[in-house]
PDB file of N, CA and C in Angstrom:
ATOM      1  N   SER A   1     126.443 109.526  99.036  1.00  0.00           N
ATOM      2  CA  SER A   1     127.161 109.598  97.773  1.00  0.00           C
ATOM      3  C   SER A   1     126.221 109.737  96.584  1.00  0.00           C
ATOM      4  N   GLY A   2     124.910 109.758  96.821  1.00  0.00           N
ATOM      5  CA  GLY A   2     123.950 109.971  95.751  1.00  0.00           C
ATOM      6  C   GLY A   2     123.464 108.717  95.063  1.00  0.00           C
ATOM      7  N   ASN A   3     123.906 107.543  95.505  1.00  0.00           N
ATOM      8  CA  ASN A   3     123.402 106.305  94.919  1.00  0.00           C
ATOM      9  C   ASN A   3     121.922 106.141  95.249  1.00  0.00           C
ATOM     10  N   VAL A   4     121.222 105.367  94.446  1.00  0.00           N
ATOM     11  CA  VAL A   4     119.778 105.199  94.589  1.00  0.00           C
ATOM     12  C   VAL A   4     119.451 103.713  94.637  1.00  0.00           C
ATOM     13  N   VAL A   5     118.408 103.380  95.390  1.00  0.00           N
ATOM     14  CA  VAL A   5     117.864 102.020  95.406  1.00  0.00           C
ATOM     15  C   VAL A   5     116.408 102.120  95.003  1.00  0.00           C
ATOM     16  N   VAL A   6     115.990 101.283  94.068  1.00  0.00           N
ATOM     17  CA  VAL A   6     114.586 101.210  93.677  1.00  0.00           C
ATOM     18  C   VAL A   6     114.083  99.806  94.002  1.00  0.00           C
ATOM     19  N   ALA A   7     112.816  99.711  94.406  1.00  0.00           N
ATOM     20  CA  ALA A   7     112.214  98.416  94.735  1.00  0.00           C
ATOM     21  C   ALA A   7     110.878  98.303  94.021  1.00  0.00           C
ATOM     22  N   TRP A   8     110.497  97.079  93.688  1.00  0.00           N
ATOM     23  CA  TRP A   8     109.250  96.850  92.979  1.00  0.00           C
ATOM     24  C   TRP A   8     108.762  95.430  93.250  1.00  0.00           C
ATOM     25  N   THR A   9     107.521  95.159  92.848  1.00  0.00           N
ATOM     26  CA  THR A   9     106.976  93.810  92.905  1.00  0.00           C
ATOM     27  C   THR A   9     106.757  93.324  91.484  1.00  0.00           C
ATOM     28  N   GLN A  10     106.865  92.016  91.308  1.00  0.00           N
ATOM     29  CA  GLN A  10     106.584  91.422  90.007  1.00  0.00           C
ATOM     30  C   GLN A  10     106.108  89.996  90.227  1.00  0.00           C
ATOM     31  N   ASP A  11     105.318  89.498  89.272  1.00  0.00           N
ATOM     32  CA  ASP A  11     104.867  88.114  89.358  1.00  0.00           C
ATOM     33  C   ASP A  11     106.062  87.188  89.261  1.00  0.00           C
ATOM     34  N   SER A  12     106.053  86.147  90.064  1.00  0.00           N
ATOM     35  CA  SER A  12     107.129  85.171  90.048  1.00  0.00           C
ATOM     36  C   SER A  12     107.066  84.364  88.759  1.00  0.00           C
ATOM     37  N   ALA A  13     108.203  84.203  88.108  1.00  0.00           N
ATOM     38  CA  ALA A  13     108.260  83.434  86.866  1.00  0.00           C
ATOM     39  C   ALA A  13     108.209  81.926  87.139  1.00  0.00           C
ATOM     40  N   ASP A  14     108.579  81.523  88.363  1.00  0.00           N
ATOM     41  CA  ASP A  14     108.677  80.108  88.683  1.00  0.00           C
ATOM     42  C   ASP A  14     107.384  79.478  89.165  1.00  0.00           C
ATOM     43  N   SER A  15     106.510  80.266  89.800  1.00  0.00           N
ATOM     44  CA  SER A  15     105.311  79.653  90.367  1.00  0.00           C
ATOM     45  C   SER A  15     104.110  80.582  90.243  1.00  0.00           C
ATOM     46  N   VAL A  16     102.971  79.971  90.033  1.00  0.00           N
ATOM     47  CA  VAL A  16     101.722  80.715  89.930  1.00  0.00           C
ATOM     48  C   VAL A  16     101.263  81.076  91.337  1.00  0.00           C
ATOM     49  N   GLY A  17     100.774  82.287  91.502  1.00  0.00           N
ATOM     50  CA  GLY A  17     100.263  82.710  92.795  1.00  0.00           C
ATOM     51  C   GLY A  17     101.309  83.307  93.721  1.00  0.00           C
ATOM     52  N   HIS A  18     102.500  83.569  93.203  1.00  0.00           N
ATOM     53  CA  HIS A  18     103.552  84.174  94.015  1.00  0.00           C
ATOM     54  C   HIS A  18     103.955  85.519  93.418  1.00  0.00           C
ATOM     55  N   THR A  19     104.313  86.443  94.296  1.00  0.00           N
ATOM     56  CA  THR A  19     104.820  87.747  93.898  1.00  0.00           C
ATOM     57  C   THR A  19     106.201  87.926  94.511  1.00  0.00           C
ATOM     58  N   GLU A  20     107.121  88.485  93.760  1.00  0.00           N
ATOM     59  CA  GLU A  20     108.468  88.734  94.252  1.00  0.00           C
ATOM     60  C   GLU A  20     108.634  90.212  94.587  1.00  0.00           C
ATOM     61  N   VAL A  21     109.353  90.495  95.657  1.00  0.00           N
ATOM     62  CA  VAL A  21     109.792  91.859  95.972  1.00  0.00           C
ATOM     63  C   VAL A  21     111.260  91.905  95.585  1.00  0.00           C
ATOM     64  N   ARG A  22     111.612  92.785  94.657  1.00  0.00           N
ATOM     65  CA  ARG A  22     112.985  92.902  94.159  1.00  0.00           C
ATOM     66  C   ARG A  22     113.479  94.329  94.315  1.00  0.00           C
ATOM     67  N   PHE A  23     114.801  94.494  94.309  1.00  0.00           N
ATOM     68  CA  PHE A  23     115.375  95.839  94.322  1.00  0.00           C
ATOM     69  C   PHE A  23     116.619  95.865  93.444  1.00  0.00           C
ATOM     70  N   ARG A  24     117.001  97.075  93.050  1.00  0.00           N
ATOM     71  CA  ARG A  24     118.200  97.290  92.228  1.00  0.00           C
ATOM     72  C   ARG A  24     118.864  98.576  92.683  1.00  0.00           C
ATOM     73  N   ARG A  25     120.175  98.541  92.807  1.00  0.00           N
ATOM     74  CA  ARG A  25     120.965  99.726  93.157  1.00  0.00           C
ATOM     75  C   ARG A  25     121.408 100.424  91.879  1.00  0.00           C
ATOM     76  N   ILE A  26     121.412 101.768  91.893  1.00  0.00           N
ATOM     77  CA  ILE A  26     121.842 102.563  90.750  1.00  0.00           C
ATOM     78  C   ILE A  26     122.919 103.522  91.232  1.00  0.00           C
ATOM     79  N   ALA A  27     124.088 103.470  90.609  1.00  0.00           N
ATOM     80  CA  ALA A  27     125.215 104.316  91.002  1.00  0.00           C
ATOM     81  C   ALA A  27     125.007 105.750  90.526  1.00  0.00           C
ATOM     82  N   ALA A  28     125.305 106.701  91.410  1.00  0.00           N
ATOM     83  CA  ALA A  28     125.138 108.120  91.074  1.00  0.00           C
ATOM     84  C   ALA A  28     126.191 108.592  90.086  1.00  0.00           C
ATOM     85  N   THR A  29     127.382 108.026  90.143  1.00  0.00           N
ATOM     86  CA  THR A  29     128.485 108.519  89.327  1.00  0.00           C
ATOM     87  C   THR A  29     128.295 108.263  87.842  1.00  0.00           C
ATOM     88  N   ASP A  30     127.816 107.071  87.503  1.00  0.00           N
ATOM     89  CA  ASP A  30     127.696 106.750  86.075  1.00  0.00           C
ATOM     90  C   ASP A  30     126.337 106.165  85.694  1.00  0.00           C
ATOM     91  N   GLY A  31     125.414 106.088  86.648  1.00  0.00           N
ATOM     92  CA  GLY A  31     124.092 105.537  86.362  1.00  0.00           C
ATOM     93  C   GLY A  31     124.100 104.040  86.122  1.00  0.00           C
ATOM     94  N   GLU A  32     125.221 103.388  86.430  1.00  0.00           N
ATOM     95  CA  GLU A  32     125.342 101.950  86.233  1.00  0.00           C
ATOM     96  C   GLU A  32     124.330 101.220  87.105  1.00  0.00           C
ATOM     97  N   LEU A  33     123.603 100.280  86.492  1.00  0.00           N
ATOM     98  CA  LEU A  33     122.611  99.509  87.218  1.00  0.00           C
ATOM     99  C   LEU A  33     123.246  98.284  87.842  1.00  0.00           C
ATOM    100  N   GLY A  34     122.918  98.032  89.103  1.00  0.00           N
ATOM    101  CA  GLY A  34     123.322  96.792  89.736  1.00  0.00           C
ATOM    102  C   GLY A  34     122.380  95.682  89.298  1.00  0.00           C
ATOM    103  N   GLU A  35     122.660  94.488  89.721  1.00  0.00           N
ATOM    104  CA  GLU A  35     121.782  93.356  89.416  1.00  0.00           C
ATOM    105  C   GLU A  35     120.484  93.489  90.208  1.00  0.00           C
ATOM    106  N   ALA A  36     119.385  93.017  89.641  1.00  0.00           N
ATOM    107  CA  ALA A  36     118.126  92.951  90.383  1.00  0.00           C
ATOM    108  C   ALA A  36     118.275  91.858  91.437  1.00  0.00           C
ATOM    109  N   VAL A  37     117.933  92.179  92.684  1.00  0.00           N
ATOM    110  CA  VAL A  37     118.094  91.259  93.809  1.00  0.00           C
ATOM    111  C   VAL A  37     116.717  90.899  94.359  1.00  0.00           C
ATOM    112  N   LEU A  38     116.512  89.623  94.620  1.00  0.00           N
ATOM    113  CA  LEU A  38     115.261  89.152  95.207  1.00  0.00           C
ATOM    114  C   LEU A  38     115.303  89.375  96.709  1.00  0.00           C
ATOM    115  N   ALA A  39     114.381  90.186  97.244  1.00  0.00           N
ATOM    116  CA  ALA A  39     114.300  90.408  98.687  1.00  0.00           C
ATOM    117  C   ALA A  39     113.438  89.334  99.334  1.00  0.00           C
ATOM    118  N   THR A  40     112.317  88.974  98.693  1.00  0.00           N
ATOM    119  CA  THR A  40     111.429  87.939  99.226  1.00  0.00           C
ATOM    120  C   THR A  40     110.463  87.477  98.147  1.00  0.00           C
ATOM    121  N   ASP A  41     109.854  86.348  98.397  1.00  0.00           N
ATOM    122  CA  ASP A  41     108.817  85.777  97.535  1.00  0.00           C
ATOM    123  C   ASP A  41     107.576  85.635  98.406  1.00  0.00           C
ATOM    124  N   ILE A  42     106.464  86.219  97.986  1.00  0.00           N
ATOM    125  CA  ILE A  42     105.244  86.255  98.786  1.00  0.00           C
ATOM    126  C   ILE A  42     104.148  85.480  98.070  1.00  0.00           C
ATOM    127  N   VAL A  43     103.407  84.673  98.836  1.00  0.00           N
ATOM    128  CA  VAL A  43     102.226  84.018  98.282  1.00  0.00           C
ATOM    129  C   VAL A  43     101.169  85.093  98.119  1.00  0.00           C
ATOM    130  N   ARG A  44     100.658  85.232  96.914  1.00  0.00           N
ATOM    131  CA  ARG A  44      99.685  86.275  96.619  1.00  0.00           C
ATOM    132  C   ARG A  44      98.346  85.949  97.270  1.00  0.00           C
ATOM    133  N   SER A  45      97.726  86.950  97.884  1.00  0.00           N
ATOM    134  CA  SER A  45      96.393  86.795  98.455  1.00  0.00           C
ATOM    135  C   SER A  45      95.417  87.595  97.602  1.00  0.00           C
ATOM    136  N   SER A  46      94.170  87.632  98.022  1.00  0.00           N
ATOM    137  CA  SER A  46      93.175  88.382  97.250  1.00  0.00           C
ATOM    138  C   SER A  46      93.339  89.890  97.432  1.00  0.00           C
ATOM    139  N   ALA A  47      94.003  90.312  98.513  1.00  0.00           N
ATOM    140  CA  ALA A  47      94.219  91.742  98.754  1.00  0.00           C
ATOM    141  C   ALA A  47      95.352  92.252  97.874  1.00  0.00           C
ATOM    142  N   PRO A  48      95.247  93.488  97.379  1.00  0.00           N
ATOM    143  CA  PRO A  48      96.344  94.037  96.578  1.00  0.00           C
ATOM    144  C   PRO A  48      97.605  94.207  97.415  1.00  0.00           C
ATOM    145  N   LEU A  49      98.741  93.961  96.810  1.00  0.00           N
ATOM    146  CA  LEU A  49     100.022  94.089  97.500  1.00  0.00           C
ATOM    147  C   LEU A  49     100.539  95.510  97.321  1.00  0.00           C
ATOM    148  N   PRO A  50     100.709  96.271  98.426  1.00  0.00           N
ATOM    149  CA  PRO A  50     101.231  97.620  98.283  1.00  0.00           C
ATOM    150  C   PRO A  50     102.672  97.603  97.784  1.00  0.00           C
ATOM    151  N   ARG A  51     103.082  98.660  97.170  1.00  0.00           N
ATOM    152  CA  ARG A  51     104.456  98.779  96.673  1.00  0.00           C
ATOM    153  C   ARG A  51     105.438  98.749  97.836  1.00  0.00           C
ATOM    154  N   PRO A  52     106.571  98.096  97.660  1.00  0.00           N
ATOM    155  CA  PRO A  52     107.573  98.118  98.724  1.00  0.00           C
ATOM    156  C   PRO A  52     108.165  99.518  98.866  1.00  0.00           C
ATOM    157  N   ALA A  53     108.663  99.824 100.063  1.00  0.00           N
ATOM    158  CA  ALA A  53     109.267 101.124 100.337  1.00  0.00           C
ATOM    159  C   ALA A  53     110.736 100.933 100.669  1.00  0.00           C
ATOM    160  N   VAL A  54     111.553 101.917 100.306  1.00  0.00           N
ATOM    161  CA  VAL A  54     112.988 101.894 100.584  1.00  0.00           C
ATOM    162  C   VAL A  54     113.329 103.111 101.425  1.00  0.00           C
ATOM    163  N   SER A  55     114.166 102.904 102.444  1.00  0.00           N
ATOM    164  CA  SER A  55     114.600 104.019 103.279  1.00  0.00           C
ATOM    165  C   SER A  55     116.090 103.907 103.548  1.00  0.00           C
ATOM    166  N   HIS A  56     116.766 105.029 103.513  1.00  0.00           N
ATOM    167  CA  HIS A  56     118.195 105.125 103.810  1.00  0.00           C
ATOM    168  C   HIS A  56     118.408 105.000 105.316  1.00  0.00           C
ATOM    169  N   ILE A  57     119.498 104.339 105.730  1.00  0.00           N
ATOM    170  CA  ILE A  57     119.829 104.221 107.156  1.00  0.00           C
ATOM    171  C   ILE A  57     121.258 104.688 107.370  1.00  0.00           C
ATOM    172  N   GLY A  58     121.457 105.664 108.218  1.00  0.00           N
ATOM    173  CA  GLY A  58     122.799 106.091 108.603  1.00  0.00           C
ATOM    174  C   GLY A  58     123.584 106.731 107.474  1.00  0.00           C
ATOM    175  N   ARG A  59     124.902 106.811 107.663  1.00  0.00           N
ATOM    176  CA  ARG A  59     125.776 107.500 106.704  1.00  0.00           C
ATOM    177  C   ARG A  59     126.504 106.567 105.758  1.00  0.00           C
ATOM    178  N   ALA A  60     126.505 105.283 106.030  1.00  0.00           N
ATOM    179  CA  ALA A  60     127.305 104.346 105.231  1.00  0.00           C
ATOM    180  C   ALA A  60     126.602 103.897 103.957  1.00  0.00           C
ATOM    181  N   GLY A  61     125.366 104.338 103.737  1.00  0.00           N
ATOM    182  CA  GLY A  61     124.642 103.945 102.537  1.00  0.00           C
ATOM    183  C   GLY A  61     123.785 102.714 102.727  1.00  0.00           C
ATOM    184  N   ASP A  62     123.686 102.195 103.970  1.00  0.00           N
ATOM    185  CA  ASP A  62     122.813 101.057 104.231  1.00  0.00           C
ATOM    186  C   ASP A  62     121.373 101.484 103.993  1.00  0.00           C
ATOM    187  N   PHE A  63     120.507 100.512 103.754  1.00  0.00           N
ATOM    188  CA  PHE A  63     119.103 100.830 103.506  1.00  0.00           C
ATOM    189  C   PHE A  63     118.223  99.702 104.013  1.00  0.00           C
ATOM    190  N   VAL A  64     116.929  99.984 104.099  1.00  0.00           N
ATOM    191  CA  VAL A  64     115.940  98.993 104.519  1.00  0.00           C
ATOM    192  C   VAL A  64     114.840  98.971 103.467  1.00  0.00           C
ATOM    193  N   ILE A  65     114.340  97.777 103.183  1.00  0.00           N
ATOM    194  CA  ILE A  65     113.184  97.613 102.300  1.00  0.00           C
ATOM    195  C   ILE A  65     112.052  97.075 103.150  1.00  0.00           C
ATOM    196  N   ALA A  66     110.887  97.705 103.060  1.00  0.00           N
ATOM    197  CA  ALA A  66     109.715  97.274 103.822  1.00  0.00           C
ATOM    198  C   ALA A  66     108.601  96.922 102.858  1.00  0.00           C
ATOM    199  N   TRP A  67     107.830  95.896 103.198  1.00  0.00           N
ATOM    200  CA  TRP A  67     106.700  95.479 102.380  1.00  0.00           C
ATOM    201  C   TRP A  67     105.631  94.898 103.284  1.00  0.00           C
ATOM    202  N   SER A  68     104.464  94.664 102.728  1.00  0.00           N
ATOM    203  CA  SER A  68     103.357  94.083 103.471  1.00  0.00           C
ATOM    204  C   SER A  68     103.167  92.641 103.027  1.00  0.00           C
ATOM    205  N   ASP A  69     102.978  91.756 103.982  1.00  0.00           N
ATOM    206  CA  ASP A  69     102.760  90.340 103.697  1.00  0.00           C
ATOM    207  C   ASP A  69     101.582  89.875 104.535  1.00  0.00           C
ATOM    208  N   PHE A  70     100.433  89.655 103.895  1.00  0.00           N
ATOM    209  CA  PHE A  70      99.202  89.261 104.583  1.00  0.00           C
ATOM    210  C   PHE A  70      98.851  90.209 105.719  1.00  0.00           C
ATOM    211  N   GLY A  71      98.995  91.500 105.471  1.00  0.00           N
ATOM    212  CA  GLY A  71      98.614  92.512 106.432  1.00  0.00           C
ATOM    213  C   GLY A  71      99.675  92.840 107.471  1.00  0.00           C
ATOM    214  N   SER A  72     100.784  92.129 107.479  1.00  0.00           N
ATOM    215  CA  SER A  72     101.870  92.405 108.420  1.00  0.00           C
ATOM    216  C   SER A  72     102.943  93.232 107.729  1.00  0.00           C
ATOM    217  N   LEU A  73     103.510  94.161 108.451  1.00  0.00           N
ATOM    218  CA  LEU A  73     104.619  94.957 107.936  1.00  0.00           C
ATOM    219  C   LEU A  73     105.901  94.165 108.135  1.00  0.00           C
ATOM    220  N   VAL A  74     106.672  93.990 107.061  1.00  0.00           N
ATOM    221  CA  VAL A  74     107.917  93.228 107.112  1.00  0.00           C
ATOM    222  C   VAL A  74     109.025  94.108 106.559  1.00  0.00           C
ATOM    223  N   ALA A  75     110.229  94.003 107.137  1.00  0.00           N
ATOM    224  CA  ALA A  75     111.353  94.819 106.676  1.00  0.00           C
ATOM    225  C   ALA A  75     112.644  94.021 106.750  1.00  0.00           C
ATOM    226  N   ARG A  76     113.576  94.352 105.859  1.00  0.00           N
ATOM    227  CA  ARG A  76     114.897  93.721 105.870  1.00  0.00           C
ATOM    228  C   ARG A  76     115.941  94.798 105.608  1.00  0.00           C
ATOM    229  N   ARG A  77     117.025  94.776 106.407  1.00  0.00           N
ATOM    230  CA  ARG A  77     118.116  95.743 106.256  1.00  0.00           C
ATOM    231  C   ARG A  77     119.183  95.186 105.327  1.00  0.00           C
ATOM    232  N   TYR A  78     119.812  96.108 104.558  1.00  0.00           N
ATOM    233  CA  TYR A  78     120.866  95.745 103.609  1.00  0.00           C
ATOM    234  C   TYR A  78     122.043  96.697 103.750  1.00  0.00           C
ATOM    235  N   THR A  79     123.232  96.216 103.397  1.00  0.00           N
ATOM    236  CA  THR A  79     124.410  97.085 103.338  1.00  0.00           C
ATOM    237  C   THR A  79     124.307  97.940 102.076  1.00  0.00           C
ATOM    238  N   SER A  80     125.169  98.927 101.969  1.00  0.00           N
ATOM    239  CA  SER A  80     125.182  99.769 100.770  1.00  0.00           C
ATOM    240  C   SER A  80     125.506  98.948  99.527  1.00  0.00           C
ATOM    241  N   GLY A  81     126.149  97.809  99.696  1.00  0.00           N
ATOM    242  CA  GLY A  81     126.465  96.921  98.576  1.00  0.00           C
ATOM    243  C   GLY A  81     125.346  95.961  98.223  1.00  0.00           C
ATOM    244  N   GLY A  82     124.216  96.018  98.961  1.00  0.00           N
ATOM    245  CA  GLY A  82     123.064  95.177  98.658  1.00  0.00           C
ATOM    246  C   GLY A  82     123.056  93.831  99.354  1.00  0.00           C
ATOM    247  N   LEU A  83     123.935  93.629 100.338  1.00  0.00           N
ATOM    248  CA  LEU A  83     123.964  92.368 101.080  1.00  0.00           C
ATOM    249  C   LEU A  83     123.053  92.473 102.299  1.00  0.00           C
ATOM    250  N   PRO A  84     122.275  91.421 102.597  1.00  0.00           N
ATOM    251  CA  PRO A  84     121.374  91.493 103.756  1.00  0.00           C
ATOM    252  C   PRO A  84     122.149  91.596 105.063  1.00  0.00           C
ATOM    253  N   LEU A  85     121.685  92.470 105.952  1.00  0.00           N
ATOM    254  CA  LEU A  85     122.276  92.622 107.283  1.00  0.00           C
ATOM    255  C   LEU A  85     121.567  91.747 108.307  1.00  0.00           C
ATOM    256  N   ALA A  86     120.320  91.400 108.045  1.00  0.00           N
ATOM    257  CA  ALA A  86     119.540  90.610 108.992  1.00  0.00           C
ATOM    258  C   ALA A  86     118.403  89.926 108.253  1.00  0.00           C
ATOM    259  N   ARG A  87     117.834  88.922 108.911  1.00  0.00           N
ATOM    260  CA  ARG A  87     116.648  88.274 108.340  1.00  0.00           C
ATOM    261  C   ARG A  87     115.487  89.252 108.368  1.00  0.00           C
ATOM    262  N   ALA A  88     114.458  88.966 107.580  1.00  0.00           N
ATOM    263  CA  ALA A  88     113.271  89.821 107.590  1.00  0.00           C
ATOM    264  C   ALA A  88     112.687  89.839 108.989  1.00  0.00           C
ATOM    265  N   ALA A  89     112.275  90.998 109.428  1.00  0.00           N
ATOM    266  CA  ALA A  89     111.735  91.150 110.775  1.00  0.00           C
ATOM    267  C   ALA A  89     110.327  91.709 110.706  1.00  0.00           C
ATOM    268  N   VAL A  90     109.438  91.110 111.482  1.00  0.00           N
ATOM    269  CA  VAL A  90     108.076  91.604 111.578  1.00  0.00           C
ATOM    270  C   VAL A  90     107.955  92.319 112.917  1.00  0.00           C
ATOM    271  N   PRO A  91     107.759  93.638 112.906  1.00  0.00           N
ATOM    272  CA  PRO A  91     107.640  94.358 114.176  1.00  0.00           C
ATOM    273  C   PRO A  91     106.343  93.999 114.879  1.00  0.00           C
ATOM    274  N   ALA A  92     106.347  94.113 116.198  1.00  0.00           N
ATOM    275  CA  ALA A  92     105.138  93.897 116.981  1.00  0.00           C
ATOM    276  C   ALA A  92     104.129  94.997 116.652  1.00  0.00           C
ATOM    277  N   ALA A  93     102.860  94.722 116.840  1.00  0.00           N
ATOM    278  CA  ALA A  93     101.809  95.706 116.533  1.00  0.00           C
ATOM    279  C   ALA A  93     102.046  96.999 117.286  1.00  0.00           C
ATOM    280  N   SER A  94     102.529  96.929 118.534  1.00  0.00           N
ATOM    281  CA  SER A  94     102.767  98.143 119.309  1.00  0.00           C
ATOM    282  C   SER A  94     103.857  98.992 118.691  1.00  0.00           C
ATOM    283  N   GLU A  95     104.884  98.357 118.085  1.00  0.00           N
ATOM    284  CA  GLU A  95     105.964  99.099 117.435  1.00  0.00           C
ATOM    285  C   GLU A  95     105.458  99.827 116.206  1.00  0.00           C
ATOM    286  N   VAL A  96     104.586  99.180 115.433  1.00  0.00           N
ATOM    287  CA  VAL A  96     104.029  99.805 114.241  1.00  0.00           C
ATOM    288  C   VAL A  96     103.159 100.987 114.643  1.00  0.00           C
ATOM    289  N   THR A  97     102.316 100.813 115.662  1.00  0.00           N
ATOM    290  CA  THR A  97     101.444 101.890 116.124  1.00  0.00           C
ATOM    291  C   THR A  97     102.264 103.071 116.626  1.00  0.00           C
ATOM    292  N   GLU A  98     103.319 102.785 117.375  1.00  0.00           N
ATOM    293  CA  GLU A  98     104.149 103.860 117.906  1.00  0.00           C
ATOM    294  C   GLU A  98     104.840 104.632 116.804  1.00  0.00           C
ATOM    295  N   SER A  99     105.319 103.925 115.772  1.00  0.00           N
ATOM    296  CA  SER A  99     106.049 104.605 114.710  1.00  0.00           C
ATOM    297  C   SER A  99     105.139 105.436 113.824  1.00  0.00           C
ATOM    298  N   LEU A 100     103.851 105.119 113.801  1.00  0.00           N
ATOM    299  CA  LEU A 100     102.916 105.877 112.982  1.00  0.00           C
ATOM    300  C   LEU A 100     102.363 107.093 113.707  1.00  0.00           C
ATOM    301  N   ASP A 101     102.524 107.152 115.019  1.00  0.00           N
ATOM    302  CA  ASP A 101     102.003 108.293 115.783  1.00  0.00           C
ATOM    303  C   ASP A 101     102.826 109.536 115.595  1.00  0.00           C
TER     304      ASP A 101
END
């Protein structure tokens, strides 16, 4: 339907040393912005945190947000309405290697 999801990281307002991964849905019809949703809160390490990635899943408008947490790839699935479908999942190293080949 042309809707868009954007994701970003920002420093946590509540605690020092934490970074939040957030996302917001944008409607294609009128550009109306949804509320910013917290996907996760990460303890910041000395390594730079890569930008989170968003990918569309299927035809219903569901999506997945993926981010890195201490060198591990983490992802969480959401409905088109922005509700979580599952807890964050860390794929096994073999799954990550296979998907990159």
